Amino acid sequence: MFDLLFASQDAVTSSLLWAVVLLDSHQEILEKVRHEVASIWSPKSSPLITADQLQEMKYTEAVACEVLRIRAPATVVSHVAAKDFPFTDSHTIPKEAIVYPSIYESSFQGFVEPYLFDPDRFMDERQENRVYKKNYLVFGAGPHQCVGQRYAINNLVLFIAMFTSLMDFKRHRTDGCDEIVYVPTICPKDDCKVSLLQRCAQYSTHS
């Protein structure tokens, strides 16, 4: 368990930073998140968010999934070919060759307006995560799919719900602040420097 949690630390940190970056630059999406969370959970009168409440936050989860799609923390994952694999009509990957597929680039293949931060693509009406499932490789695919997938998504949804409800935040934008740096997961060049202001003057003593 500790190995799994340690392995996820860098990826989770990367996702939290990009969630703040993307919500700060998309205020209309931020307001939709706050509206949904407020209809389910109140920091003034409720204990911590429950698992049932978390499942109700469909739009907030869509935001989390879109953060992971557009800024996949682990950009490549190496594989070893178990056998000769016909990659194209003219090229075969030989057995035991090491292959580095780009998870980052695959996230922009197939999706409608792929470079647009658009959480609605993960809602039931569009279901682009199912239509383009083979391109959404943030957690891998097949038998080697990440066992911490649900944990990671829930963790990000919980952070987004609580952070946006409890805090107002404004990013200090500078030239090149959105450039990607590899450390080894991806982070914004400025490390996402923000000013924070408490939104909720009172927090439940049950928390």
N, C-alpha and C. Protein backbone atom coordinates (compact mmCIF):
# COMPACT_ATOMS: atom_id res chain seq x y z
N MET A 1 0.82 -1.20 0.00
CA MET A 1 0.00 0.00 0.00
C MET A 1 0.86 1.26 0.00
N PHE A 2 1.92 1.27 0.84
CA PHE A 2 2.79 2.44 0.89
C PHE A 2 3.51 2.64 -0.44
N ASP A 3 3.89 1.54 -1.10
CA ASP A 3 4.53 1.65 -2.41
C ASP A 3 3.60 2.32 -3.41
N LEU A 4 2.32 1.92 -3.39
CA LEU A 4 1.34 2.50 -4.33
C LEU A 4 1.15 3.99 -4.05
N LEU A 5 1.02 4.35 -2.78
CA LEU A 5 0.80 5.74 -2.42
C LEU A 5 2.03 6.59 -2.77
N PHE A 6 3.22 6.06 -2.52
CA PHE A 6 4.44 6.80 -2.84
C PHE A 6 4.56 7.00 -4.35
N ALA A 7 4.25 5.95 -5.10
CA ALA A 7 4.36 6.04 -6.57
C ALA A 7 3.41 7.08 -7.12
N SER A 8 2.28 7.31 -6.46
CA SER A 8 1.29 8.25 -6.97
C SER A 8 1.56 9.69 -6.56
N GLN A 9 2.53 9.90 -5.68
CA GLN A 9 2.71 11.23 -5.09
C GLN A 9 2.99 12.30 -6.14
N ASP A 10 3.97 12.06 -7.02
CA ASP A 10 4.31 13.05 -8.03
C ASP A 10 3.16 13.30 -8.99
N ALA A 11 2.48 12.22 -9.39
CA ALA A 11 1.36 12.36 -10.33
C ALA A 11 0.22 13.16 -9.71
N VAL A 12 -0.07 12.90 -8.44
CA VAL A 12 -1.14 13.64 -7.76
C VAL A 12 -0.77 15.11 -7.64
N THR A 13 0.46 15.40 -7.26
CA THR A 13 0.90 16.79 -7.14
C THR A 13 0.76 17.52 -8.46
N SER A 14 1.18 16.88 -9.54
CA SER A 14 1.05 17.47 -10.87
C SER A 14 -0.41 17.79 -11.19
N SER A 15 -1.31 16.85 -10.92
CA SER A 15 -2.73 17.04 -11.23
C SER A 15 -3.35 18.16 -10.40
N LEU A 16 -2.97 18.26 -9.12
CA LEU A 16 -3.50 19.33 -8.28
C LEU A 16 -3.08 20.70 -8.81
N LEU A 17 -1.82 20.81 -9.22
CA LEU A 17 -1.33 22.09 -9.75
C LEU A 17 -2.08 22.47 -11.02
N TRP A 18 -2.24 21.51 -11.94
CA TRP A 18 -2.91 21.82 -13.20
C TRP A 18 -4.40 22.09 -12.99
N ALA A 19 -5.01 21.46 -11.99
CA ALA A 19 -6.42 21.75 -11.69
C ALA A 19 -6.59 23.22 -11.31
N VAL A 20 -5.69 23.72 -10.47
CA VAL A 20 -5.75 25.13 -10.07
C VAL A 20 -5.49 26.04 -11.26
N VAL A 21 -4.48 25.71 -12.06
CA VAL A 21 -4.15 26.50 -13.25
C VAL A 21 -5.35 26.61 -14.19
N LEU A 22 -5.96 25.46 -14.50
CA LEU A 22 -7.03 25.43 -15.49
C LEU A 22 -8.32 26.06 -14.97
N LEU A 23 -8.62 25.87 -13.70
CA LEU A 23 -9.82 26.51 -13.14
C LEU A 23 -9.64 28.02 -13.03
N ASP A 24 -8.44 28.47 -12.70
CA ASP A 24 -8.18 29.91 -12.63
C ASP A 24 -8.36 30.57 -14.00
N SER A 25 -8.00 29.87 -15.06
CA SER A 25 -8.10 30.46 -16.41
C SER A 25 -9.44 30.16 -17.09
N HIS A 26 -10.33 29.43 -16.41
CA HIS A 26 -11.66 29.14 -16.95
C HIS A 26 -12.70 29.39 -15.84
N GLN A 27 -12.97 30.65 -15.62
CA GLN A 27 -13.81 31.04 -14.50
C GLN A 27 -15.24 30.51 -14.61
N GLU A 28 -15.74 30.35 -15.83
CA GLU A 28 -17.10 29.84 -16.00
C GLU A 28 -17.19 28.38 -15.53
N ILE A 29 -16.13 27.62 -15.75
CA ILE A 29 -16.09 26.23 -15.28
C ILE A 29 -15.95 26.20 -13.76
N LEU A 30 -15.13 27.09 -13.23
CA LEU A 30 -14.98 27.19 -11.78
C LEU A 30 -16.32 27.47 -11.10
N GLU A 31 -17.10 28.37 -11.67
CA GLU A 31 -18.40 28.70 -11.08
C GLU A 31 -19.36 27.52 -11.15
N LYS A 32 -19.30 26.74 -12.23
CA LYS A 32 -20.15 25.56 -12.33
C LYS A 32 -19.78 24.52 -11.27
N VAL A 33 -18.49 24.38 -11.03
CA VAL A 33 -18.03 23.45 -9.98
C VAL A 33 -18.56 23.91 -8.63
N ARG A 34 -18.39 25.19 -8.33
CA ARG A 34 -18.83 25.71 -7.03
C ARG A 34 -20.34 25.55 -6.85
N HIS A 35 -21.08 25.76 -7.92
CA HIS A 35 -22.53 25.63 -7.85
C HIS A 35 -22.92 24.18 -7.56
N GLU A 36 -22.29 23.24 -8.25
CA GLU A 36 -22.61 21.83 -8.03
C GLU A 36 -22.25 21.41 -6.62
N VAL A 37 -21.06 21.75 -6.18
CA VAL A 37 -20.62 21.33 -4.84
C VAL A 37 -21.53 21.93 -3.77
N ALA A 38 -21.89 23.21 -3.93
CA ALA A 38 -22.75 23.87 -2.94
C ALA A 38 -24.12 23.23 -2.84
N SER A 39 -24.58 22.61 -3.93
CA SER A 39 -25.89 21.95 -3.90
C SER A 39 -25.83 20.59 -3.20
N ILE A 40 -24.61 20.11 -2.93
CA ILE A 40 -24.43 18.78 -2.32
C ILE A 40 -23.81 18.86 -0.93
N TRP A 41 -22.89 19.79 -0.75
CA TRP A 41 -22.10 19.85 0.48
C TRP A 41 -21.88 21.28 0.92
N SER A 42 -22.00 21.53 2.22
CA SER A 42 -21.73 22.85 2.77
C SER A 42 -20.64 22.76 3.83
N PRO A 43 -19.54 23.48 3.66
CA PRO A 43 -18.47 23.42 4.65
C PRO A 43 -18.86 24.05 5.99
N LYS A 44 -19.91 24.85 5.99
CA LYS A 44 -20.32 25.53 7.22
C LYS A 44 -21.13 24.62 8.15
N SER A 45 -21.81 23.65 7.57
CA SER A 45 -22.73 22.86 8.40
C SER A 45 -22.53 21.36 8.32
N SER A 46 -21.67 20.91 7.42
CA SER A 46 -21.53 19.47 7.22
C SER A 46 -20.15 18.99 7.63
N PRO A 47 -20.04 17.70 7.99
CA PRO A 47 -18.71 17.11 8.20
C PRO A 47 -18.01 16.96 6.85
N LEU A 48 -16.90 16.28 6.84
CA LEU A 48 -16.17 16.09 5.58
C LEU A 48 -17.05 15.43 4.53
N ILE A 49 -16.73 15.68 3.28
CA ILE A 49 -17.49 15.11 2.17
C ILE A 49 -17.47 13.59 2.26
N THR A 50 -18.64 13.00 2.12
CA THR A 50 -18.75 11.54 2.20
C THR A 50 -18.55 10.91 0.83
N ALA A 51 -18.37 9.61 0.81
CA ALA A 51 -18.22 8.89 -0.45
C ALA A 51 -19.48 9.02 -1.31
N ASP A 52 -20.66 8.99 -0.68
CA ASP A 52 -21.91 9.14 -1.43
C ASP A 52 -22.01 10.53 -2.05
N GLN A 53 -21.61 11.55 -1.31
CA GLN A 53 -21.65 12.91 -1.85
C GLN A 53 -20.67 13.05 -3.00
N LEU A 54 -19.52 12.42 -2.86
CA LEU A 54 -18.51 12.48 -3.91
C LEU A 54 -19.06 11.91 -5.21
N GLN A 55 -19.82 10.83 -5.13
CA GLN A 55 -20.39 10.21 -6.32
C GLN A 55 -21.43 11.09 -6.99
N GLU A 56 -22.04 11.99 -6.23
CA GLU A 56 -23.03 12.90 -6.80
C GLU A 56 -22.40 14.03 -7.60
N MET A 57 -21.13 14.29 -7.39
CA MET A 57 -20.46 15.43 -8.02
C MET A 57 -20.00 15.07 -9.43
N LYS A 58 -20.96 14.86 -10.30
CA LYS A 58 -20.66 14.38 -11.65
C LYS A 58 -19.86 15.40 -12.47
N TYR A 59 -20.25 16.66 -12.39
CA TYR A 59 -19.52 17.67 -13.18
C TYR A 59 -18.12 17.87 -12.63
N THR A 60 -17.99 17.88 -11.31
CA THR A 60 -16.66 18.04 -10.71
C THR A 60 -15.75 16.88 -11.09
N GLU A 61 -16.31 15.67 -11.16
CA GLU A 61 -15.52 14.54 -11.62
C GLU A 61 -15.14 14.69 -13.08
N ALA A 62 -16.05 15.24 -13.89
CA ALA A 62 -15.73 15.48 -15.29
C ALA A 62 -14.57 16.48 -15.42
N VAL A 63 -14.57 17.48 -14.55
CA VAL A 63 -13.46 18.45 -14.53
C VAL A 63 -12.15 17.73 -14.20
N ALA A 64 -12.18 16.87 -13.18
CA ALA A 64 -10.99 16.12 -12.80
C ALA A 64 -10.47 15.26 -13.96
N CYS A 65 -11.37 14.57 -14.62
CA CYS A 65 -10.98 13.72 -15.76
C CYS A 65 -10.41 14.54 -16.91
N GLU A 66 -10.96 15.73 -17.13
CA GLU A 66 -10.45 16.59 -18.20
C GLU A 66 -9.09 17.17 -17.85
N VAL A 67 -8.87 17.47 -16.57
CA VAL A 67 -7.53 17.89 -16.13
C VAL A 67 -6.52 16.80 -16.45
N LEU A 68 -6.87 15.57 -16.14
CA LEU A 68 -5.97 14.44 -16.38
C LEU A 68 -5.77 14.19 -17.87
N ARG A 69 -6.80 14.43 -18.67
CA ARG A 69 -6.65 14.22 -20.12
C ARG A 69 -5.73 15.26 -20.74
N ILE A 70 -5.99 16.52 -20.44
CA ILE A 70 -5.28 17.59 -21.13
C ILE A 70 -3.87 17.81 -20.58
N ARG A 71 -3.65 17.32 -19.34
CA ARG A 71 -2.31 17.42 -18.74
C ARG A 71 -1.99 16.10 -18.04
N ALA A 72 -1.84 15.06 -18.83
CA ALA A 72 -1.53 13.73 -18.28
C ALA A 72 -0.22 13.79 -17.51
N PRO A 73 -0.23 13.47 -16.21
CA PRO A 73 0.98 13.64 -15.39
C PRO A 73 2.18 12.84 -15.90
N ALA A 74 1.97 11.56 -16.19
CA ALA A 74 3.04 10.71 -16.72
C ALA A 74 2.91 10.72 -18.24
N THR A 75 3.84 11.36 -18.92
CA THR A 75 3.67 11.60 -20.36
C THR A 75 4.02 10.40 -21.21
N VAL A 76 4.91 9.53 -20.72
CA VAL A 76 5.25 8.31 -21.46
C VAL A 76 5.39 7.15 -20.47
N VAL A 77 5.09 5.96 -20.94
CA VAL A 77 5.30 4.75 -20.15
C VAL A 77 5.94 3.72 -21.07
N SER A 78 7.08 3.23 -20.67
CA SER A 78 7.81 2.30 -21.54
C SER A 78 7.18 0.91 -21.53
N HIS A 79 7.28 0.24 -22.66
CA HIS A 79 6.79 -1.13 -22.82
C HIS A 79 7.84 -1.94 -23.57
N VAL A 80 7.85 -3.24 -23.33
CA VAL A 80 8.72 -4.15 -24.07
C VAL A 80 7.82 -5.06 -24.91
N ALA A 81 8.09 -5.10 -26.20
CA ALA A 81 7.27 -5.92 -27.10
C ALA A 81 7.45 -7.40 -26.77
N ALA A 82 6.36 -8.08 -26.46
CA ALA A 82 6.42 -9.49 -26.12
C ALA A 82 6.61 -10.37 -27.35
N LYS A 83 6.27 -9.82 -28.51
CA LYS A 83 6.44 -10.54 -29.77
C LYS A 83 6.52 -9.51 -30.89
N ASP A 84 6.87 -9.94 -32.09
CA ASP A 84 6.87 -9.04 -33.23
C ASP A 84 5.47 -8.45 -33.38
N PHE A 85 5.41 -7.12 -33.52
CA PHE A 85 4.10 -6.46 -33.57
C PHE A 85 4.01 -5.61 -34.83
N PRO A 86 3.07 -5.96 -35.75
CA PRO A 86 2.93 -5.15 -36.98
C PRO A 86 2.28 -3.81 -36.66
N PHE A 87 3.10 -2.78 -36.57
CA PHE A 87 2.64 -1.45 -36.17
C PHE A 87 1.92 -0.74 -37.32
N THR A 88 2.49 -0.83 -38.52
CA THR A 88 1.86 -0.32 -39.74
C THR A 88 2.08 -1.36 -40.83
N ASP A 89 1.56 -1.07 -42.01
CA ASP A 89 1.75 -2.00 -43.14
C ASP A 89 3.22 -2.15 -43.50
N SER A 90 4.01 -1.12 -43.20
CA SER A 90 5.42 -1.14 -43.63
C SER A 90 6.42 -1.27 -42.47
N HIS A 91 5.90 -1.32 -41.25
CA HIS A 91 6.84 -1.36 -40.11
C HIS A 91 6.34 -2.31 -39.03
N THR A 92 7.25 -3.18 -38.59
CA THR A 92 6.94 -4.11 -37.51
C THR A 92 7.89 -3.85 -36.34
N ILE A 93 7.32 -3.73 -35.16
CA ILE A 93 8.14 -3.57 -33.96
C ILE A 93 8.67 -4.95 -33.58
N PRO A 94 9.98 -5.12 -33.53
CA PRO A 94 10.53 -6.46 -33.25
C PRO A 94 10.35 -6.87 -31.79
N LYS A 95 10.29 -8.16 -31.58
CA LYS A 95 10.19 -8.70 -30.23
C LYS A 95 11.33 -8.18 -29.35
N GLU A 96 11.00 -7.84 -28.12
CA GLU A 96 11.91 -7.35 -27.08
C GLU A 96 12.36 -5.91 -27.31
N ALA A 97 11.82 -5.25 -28.32
CA ALA A 97 12.13 -3.83 -28.50
C ALA A 97 11.43 -3.02 -27.41
N ILE A 98 12.09 -1.97 -26.93
CA ILE A 98 11.50 -1.09 -25.93
C ILE A 98 10.77 0.03 -26.66
N VAL A 99 9.51 0.21 -26.33
CA VAL A 99 8.66 1.20 -27.00
C VAL A 99 8.21 2.24 -25.97
N TYR A 100 8.23 3.50 -26.37
CA TYR A 100 7.81 4.59 -25.48
C TYR A 100 6.60 5.31 -26.08
N PRO A 101 5.40 4.78 -25.91
CA PRO A 101 4.22 5.46 -26.44
C PRO A 101 3.95 6.74 -25.64
N SER A 102 3.50 7.78 -26.32
CA SER A 102 3.24 9.06 -25.68
C SER A 102 1.80 9.12 -25.18
N ILE A 103 1.63 8.99 -23.86
CA ILE A 103 0.30 9.14 -23.26
C ILE A 103 -0.19 10.56 -23.45
N TYR A 104 0.72 11.51 -23.34
CA TYR A 104 0.35 12.93 -23.49
C TYR A 104 -0.24 13.19 -24.86
N GLU A 105 0.43 12.75 -25.91
CA GLU A 105 -0.05 13.02 -27.27
C GLU A 105 -1.33 12.24 -27.58
N SER A 106 -1.46 11.03 -27.04
CA SER A 106 -2.66 10.24 -27.32
C SER A 106 -3.91 10.94 -26.82
N SER A 107 -3.77 11.75 -25.76
CA SER A 107 -4.92 12.45 -25.18
C SER A 107 -5.49 13.51 -26.10
N PHE A 108 -4.76 13.86 -27.15
CA PHE A 108 -5.24 14.87 -28.09
C PHE A 108 -5.68 14.25 -29.42
N GLN A 109 -5.72 12.93 -29.45
CA GLN A 109 -6.14 12.23 -30.67
C GLN A 109 -7.62 11.86 -30.57
N GLY A 110 -8.38 12.18 -31.60
CA GLY A 110 -9.78 11.76 -31.67
C GLY A 110 -10.76 12.69 -31.00
N PHE A 111 -10.44 13.20 -29.83
CA PHE A 111 -11.37 14.04 -29.08
C PHE A 111 -11.78 15.28 -29.87
N VAL A 112 -13.02 15.72 -29.65
CA VAL A 112 -13.54 16.92 -30.31
C VAL A 112 -12.82 18.14 -29.74
N GLU A 113 -12.26 18.97 -30.62
CA GLU A 113 -11.48 20.14 -30.20
C GLU A 113 -10.56 19.76 -29.03
N PRO A 114 -9.60 18.89 -29.28
CA PRO A 114 -8.83 18.25 -28.22
C PRO A 114 -8.01 19.20 -27.35
N TYR A 115 -7.64 20.37 -27.87
CA TYR A 115 -6.81 21.29 -27.09
C TYR A 115 -7.64 22.26 -26.25
N LEU A 116 -8.96 22.10 -26.31
CA LEU A 116 -9.86 22.92 -25.53
C LEU A 116 -10.15 22.24 -24.19
N PHE A 117 -10.04 22.98 -23.09
CA PHE A 117 -10.38 22.45 -21.77
C PHE A 117 -11.90 22.43 -21.66
N ASP A 118 -12.48 21.25 -21.81
CA ASP A 118 -13.93 21.11 -21.94
C ASP A 118 -14.42 19.89 -21.15
N PRO A 119 -14.71 20.07 -19.86
CA PRO A 119 -15.15 18.94 -19.03
C PRO A 119 -16.44 18.28 -19.51
N ASP A 120 -17.27 19.01 -20.25
CA ASP A 120 -18.53 18.44 -20.73
C ASP A 120 -18.32 17.22 -21.60
N ARG A 121 -17.14 17.06 -22.14
CA ARG A 121 -16.88 15.89 -22.99
C ARG A 121 -16.97 14.59 -22.18
N PHE A 122 -16.87 14.69 -20.86
CA PHE A 122 -16.95 13.50 -20.00
C PHE A 122 -18.34 13.29 -19.40
N MET A 123 -19.28 14.16 -19.72
CA MET A 123 -20.63 14.01 -19.19
C MET A 123 -21.41 12.99 -20.02
N ASP A 124 -22.53 12.52 -19.47
CA ASP A 124 -23.30 11.44 -20.11
C ASP A 124 -23.77 11.79 -21.51
N GLU A 125 -24.01 13.07 -21.77
CA GLU A 125 -24.54 13.46 -23.08
C GLU A 125 -23.54 13.19 -24.20
N ARG A 126 -22.25 13.29 -23.91
CA ARG A 126 -21.22 13.17 -24.95
C ARG A 126 -20.37 11.90 -24.80
N GLN A 127 -19.98 11.58 -23.60
CA GLN A 127 -19.24 10.34 -23.31
C GLN A 127 -18.02 10.15 -24.22
N GLU A 128 -17.27 11.22 -24.42
CA GLU A 128 -16.09 11.10 -25.27
C GLU A 128 -15.05 10.18 -24.67
N ASN A 129 -15.08 10.02 -23.35
CA ASN A 129 -14.15 9.09 -22.71
C ASN A 129 -14.41 7.65 -23.14
N ARG A 130 -15.66 7.34 -23.53
CA ARG A 130 -15.99 6.00 -24.03
C ARG A 130 -15.79 5.92 -25.54
N VAL A 131 -16.21 6.98 -26.24
CA VAL A 131 -16.08 6.99 -27.70
C VAL A 131 -14.61 6.91 -28.11
N TYR A 132 -13.76 7.64 -27.36
CA TYR A 132 -12.33 7.66 -27.68
C TYR A 132 -11.52 6.98 -26.58
N LYS A 133 -12.07 5.91 -26.05
CA LYS A 133 -11.44 5.20 -24.93
C LYS A 133 -10.01 4.79 -25.24
N LYS A 134 -9.76 4.36 -26.47
CA LYS A 134 -8.42 3.88 -26.81
C LYS A 134 -7.38 5.00 -26.78
N ASN A 135 -7.84 6.26 -26.79
CA ASN A 135 -6.92 7.39 -26.74
C ASN A 135 -6.75 7.97 -25.34
N TYR A 136 -7.65 7.58 -24.42
CA TYR A 136 -7.57 8.10 -23.05
C TYR A 136 -6.75 7.11 -22.23
N LEU A 137 -5.44 7.31 -22.22
CA LEU A 137 -4.52 6.34 -21.66
C LEU A 137 -3.82 6.84 -20.40
N VAL A 138 -4.44 7.80 -19.72
CA VAL A 138 -3.85 8.38 -18.51
C VAL A 138 -3.51 7.29 -17.50
N PHE A 139 -4.37 6.28 -17.39
CA PHE A 139 -4.16 5.20 -16.42
C PHE A 139 -3.77 3.89 -17.10
N GLY A 140 -3.35 3.98 -18.35
CA GLY A 140 -3.00 2.78 -19.09
C GLY A 140 -4.24 2.10 -19.64
N ALA A 141 -4.07 0.84 -20.04
CA ALA A 141 -5.18 0.10 -20.63
C ALA A 141 -4.95 -1.39 -20.45
N GLY A 142 -6.04 -2.14 -20.57
CA GLY A 142 -5.92 -3.59 -20.51
C GLY A 142 -5.56 -4.10 -19.12
N PRO A 143 -4.91 -5.27 -19.06
CA PRO A 143 -4.62 -5.90 -17.76
C PRO A 143 -3.63 -5.11 -16.91
N HIS A 144 -2.90 -4.19 -17.52
CA HIS A 144 -1.91 -3.41 -16.78
C HIS A 144 -2.43 -2.01 -16.43
N GLN A 145 -3.73 -1.82 -16.51
CA GLN A 145 -4.30 -0.53 -16.16
C GLN A 145 -4.02 -0.23 -14.69
N CYS A 146 -3.75 1.03 -14.39
CA CYS A 146 -3.36 1.45 -13.04
C CYS A 146 -4.41 1.03 -12.00
N VAL A 147 -3.97 0.33 -10.96
CA VAL A 147 -4.90 -0.12 -9.93
C VAL A 147 -5.35 1.05 -9.05
N GLY A 148 -4.64 2.18 -9.11
CA GLY A 148 -5.00 3.33 -8.29
C GLY A 148 -5.87 4.33 -9.01
N GLN A 149 -6.48 3.94 -10.15
CA GLN A 149 -7.26 4.88 -10.95
C GLN A 149 -8.37 5.55 -10.16
N ARG A 150 -9.19 4.75 -9.47
CA ARG A 150 -10.32 5.30 -8.73
C ARG A 150 -9.85 6.18 -7.58
N TYR A 151 -8.78 5.73 -6.93
CA TYR A 151 -8.21 6.52 -5.84
C TYR A 151 -7.75 7.89 -6.35
N ALA A 152 -7.06 7.90 -7.47
CA ALA A 152 -6.52 9.14 -8.02
C ALA A 152 -7.64 10.10 -8.40
N ILE A 153 -8.67 9.59 -9.07
CA ILE A 153 -9.79 10.45 -9.49
C ILE A 153 -10.53 10.99 -8.27
N ASN A 154 -10.82 10.12 -7.31
CA ASN A 154 -11.52 10.57 -6.11
C ASN A 154 -10.71 11.61 -5.36
N ASN A 155 -9.42 11.41 -5.28
CA ASN A 155 -8.54 12.35 -4.59
C ASN A 155 -8.60 13.73 -5.26
N LEU A 156 -8.59 13.75 -6.59
CA LEU A 156 -8.62 15.00 -7.33
C LEU A 156 -9.98 15.68 -7.22
N VAL A 157 -11.05 14.89 -7.29
CA VAL A 157 -12.40 15.45 -7.14
C VAL A 157 -12.56 16.06 -5.75
N LEU A 158 -12.10 15.36 -4.74
CA LEU A 158 -12.19 15.85 -3.37
C LEU A 158 -11.43 17.15 -3.20
N PHE A 159 -10.22 17.21 -3.75
CA PHE A 159 -9.43 18.44 -3.68
C PHE A 159 -10.15 19.59 -4.35
N ILE A 160 -10.63 19.37 -5.58
CA ILE A 160 -11.29 20.43 -6.33
C ILE A 160 -12.52 20.93 -5.58
N ALA A 161 -13.32 20.00 -5.07
CA ALA A 161 -14.55 20.36 -4.36
C ALA A 161 -14.25 21.20 -3.12
N MET A 162 -13.30 20.76 -2.31
CA MET A 162 -13.01 21.47 -1.07
C MET A 162 -12.24 22.76 -1.31
N PHE A 163 -11.25 22.72 -2.18
CA PHE A 163 -10.43 23.90 -2.43
C PHE A 163 -11.25 25.04 -3.02
N THR A 164 -12.10 24.74 -3.99
CA THR A 164 -12.89 25.80 -4.62
C THR A 164 -13.99 26.31 -3.70
N SER A 165 -14.44 25.47 -2.77
CA SER A 165 -15.48 25.89 -1.84
C SER A 165 -14.92 26.74 -0.70
N LEU A 166 -13.73 26.41 -0.26
CA LEU A 166 -13.15 27.08 0.90
C LEU A 166 -12.29 28.28 0.56
N MET A 167 -11.78 28.33 -0.69
CA MET A 167 -10.82 29.38 -1.02
C MET A 167 -11.18 30.11 -2.30
N ASP A 168 -10.95 31.43 -2.30
CA ASP A 168 -10.83 32.20 -3.54
C ASP A 168 -9.36 32.23 -3.88
N PHE A 169 -9.04 32.13 -5.15
CA PHE A 169 -7.63 32.09 -5.54
C PHE A 169 -7.42 32.84 -6.84
N LYS A 170 -6.29 33.48 -6.94
CA LYS A 170 -5.93 34.22 -8.15
C LYS A 170 -4.47 33.93 -8.47
N ARG A 171 -4.24 33.49 -9.66
CA ARG A 171 -2.89 33.13 -10.06
C ARG A 171 -2.07 34.35 -10.44
N HIS A 172 -0.80 34.34 -10.07
CA HIS A 172 0.13 35.40 -10.48
C HIS A 172 0.73 34.99 -11.82
N ARG A 173 0.16 35.48 -12.89
CA ARG A 173 0.60 35.09 -14.22
C ARG A 173 1.83 35.86 -14.65
N THR A 174 2.76 35.15 -15.24
CA THR A 174 3.97 35.75 -15.78
C THR A 174 4.21 35.17 -17.18
N ASP A 175 5.08 35.81 -17.95
CA ASP A 175 5.39 35.32 -19.29
C ASP A 175 5.92 33.88 -19.21
N GLY A 176 5.31 33.00 -19.97
CA GLY A 176 5.76 31.62 -20.03
C GLY A 176 5.33 30.77 -18.86
N CYS A 177 4.43 31.29 -18.00
CA CYS A 177 4.06 30.53 -16.80
C CYS A 177 3.35 29.23 -17.11
N ASP A 178 2.70 29.14 -18.29
CA ASP A 178 1.98 27.92 -18.64
C ASP A 178 2.84 26.90 -19.36
N GLU A 179 4.09 27.23 -19.61
CA GLU A 179 4.98 26.27 -20.26
C GLU A 179 5.15 25.04 -19.37
N ILE A 180 5.32 23.89 -20.00
CA ILE A 180 5.41 22.63 -19.27
C ILE A 180 6.86 22.32 -18.95
N VAL A 181 7.11 21.96 -17.69
CA VAL A 181 8.42 21.46 -17.29
C VAL A 181 8.25 20.03 -16.81
N TYR A 182 9.29 19.23 -16.96
CA TYR A 182 9.24 17.81 -16.64
C TYR A 182 10.09 17.53 -15.40
N VAL A 183 9.42 17.06 -14.31
CA VAL A 183 10.16 16.94 -13.04
C VAL A 183 9.93 15.66 -12.21
N PRO A 184 9.77 14.46 -12.70
CA PRO A 184 9.63 14.06 -14.09
C PRO A 184 8.20 14.13 -14.61
N THR A 185 7.19 14.20 -13.68
CA THR A 185 5.84 14.48 -14.16
C THR A 185 5.79 15.93 -14.62
N ILE A 186 4.71 16.33 -15.27
CA ILE A 186 4.67 17.67 -15.83
C ILE A 186 4.05 18.66 -14.86
N CYS A 187 4.62 19.85 -14.81
CA CYS A 187 4.13 20.93 -13.96
C CYS A 187 4.23 22.25 -14.72
N PRO A 188 3.44 23.25 -14.34
CA PRO A 188 3.60 24.56 -14.97
C PRO A 188 4.94 25.18 -14.58
N LYS A 189 5.50 25.95 -15.48
CA LYS A 189 6.83 26.50 -15.29
C LYS A 189 6.96 27.33 -14.03
N ASP A 190 5.87 28.03 -13.65
CA ASP A 190 5.94 28.91 -12.47
C ASP A 190 5.54 28.21 -11.18
N ASP A 191 5.30 26.90 -11.25
CA ASP A 191 4.86 26.11 -10.09
C ASP A 191 3.49 26.56 -9.57
N CYS A 192 2.76 27.32 -10.37
CA CYS A 192 1.39 27.74 -10.04
C CYS A 192 1.34 28.58 -8.75
N LYS A 193 1.91 29.76 -8.81
CA LYS A 193 1.87 30.67 -7.67
C LYS A 193 0.54 31.41 -7.65
N VAL A 194 -0.17 31.33 -6.53
CA VAL A 194 -1.49 31.96 -6.42
C VAL A 194 -1.61 32.70 -5.10
N SER A 195 -2.51 33.68 -5.09
CA SER A 195 -2.92 34.34 -3.85
C SER A 195 -4.20 33.67 -3.37
N LEU A 196 -4.30 33.46 -2.07
CA LEU A 196 -5.44 32.77 -1.50
C LEU A 196 -6.21 33.68 -0.55
N LEU A 197 -7.53 33.57 -0.58
CA LEU A 197 -8.39 34.30 0.32
C LEU A 197 -9.49 33.36 0.78
N GLN A 198 -9.69 33.28 2.07
CA GLN A 198 -10.68 32.36 2.61
C GLN A 198 -12.10 32.79 2.21
N ARG A 199 -12.86 31.85 1.67
CA ARG A 199 -14.23 32.12 1.27
C ARG A 199 -15.22 31.83 2.40
N CYS A 200 -14.87 30.84 3.20
CA CYS A 200 -15.77 30.36 4.24
C CYS A 200 -15.23 30.78 5.59
N ALA A 201 -15.92 31.71 6.26
CA ALA A 201 -15.45 32.23 7.54
C ALA A 201 -15.57 31.20 8.66
N GLN A 202 -16.48 30.26 8.46
CA GLN A 202 -16.71 29.25 9.50
C GLN A 202 -16.64 27.87 8.87
N TYR A 203 -16.00 26.95 9.57
CA TYR A 203 -15.90 25.58 9.06
C TYR A 203 -16.43 24.64 10.12
N SER A 204 -17.15 23.62 9.71
CA SER A 204 -17.79 22.71 10.64
C SER A 204 -16.82 22.12 11.66
N THR A 205 -17.19 22.14 12.92
CA THR A 205 -16.36 21.57 13.98
C THR A 205 -16.36 20.05 13.92
N HIS A 206 -17.23 19.47 13.08
CA HIS A 206 -17.28 18.01 12.94
C HIS A 206 -16.16 17.50 12.03
N SER A 207 -15.47 18.40 11.33
CA SER A 207 -14.51 17.99 10.32
C SER A 207 -13.21 17.54 10.95
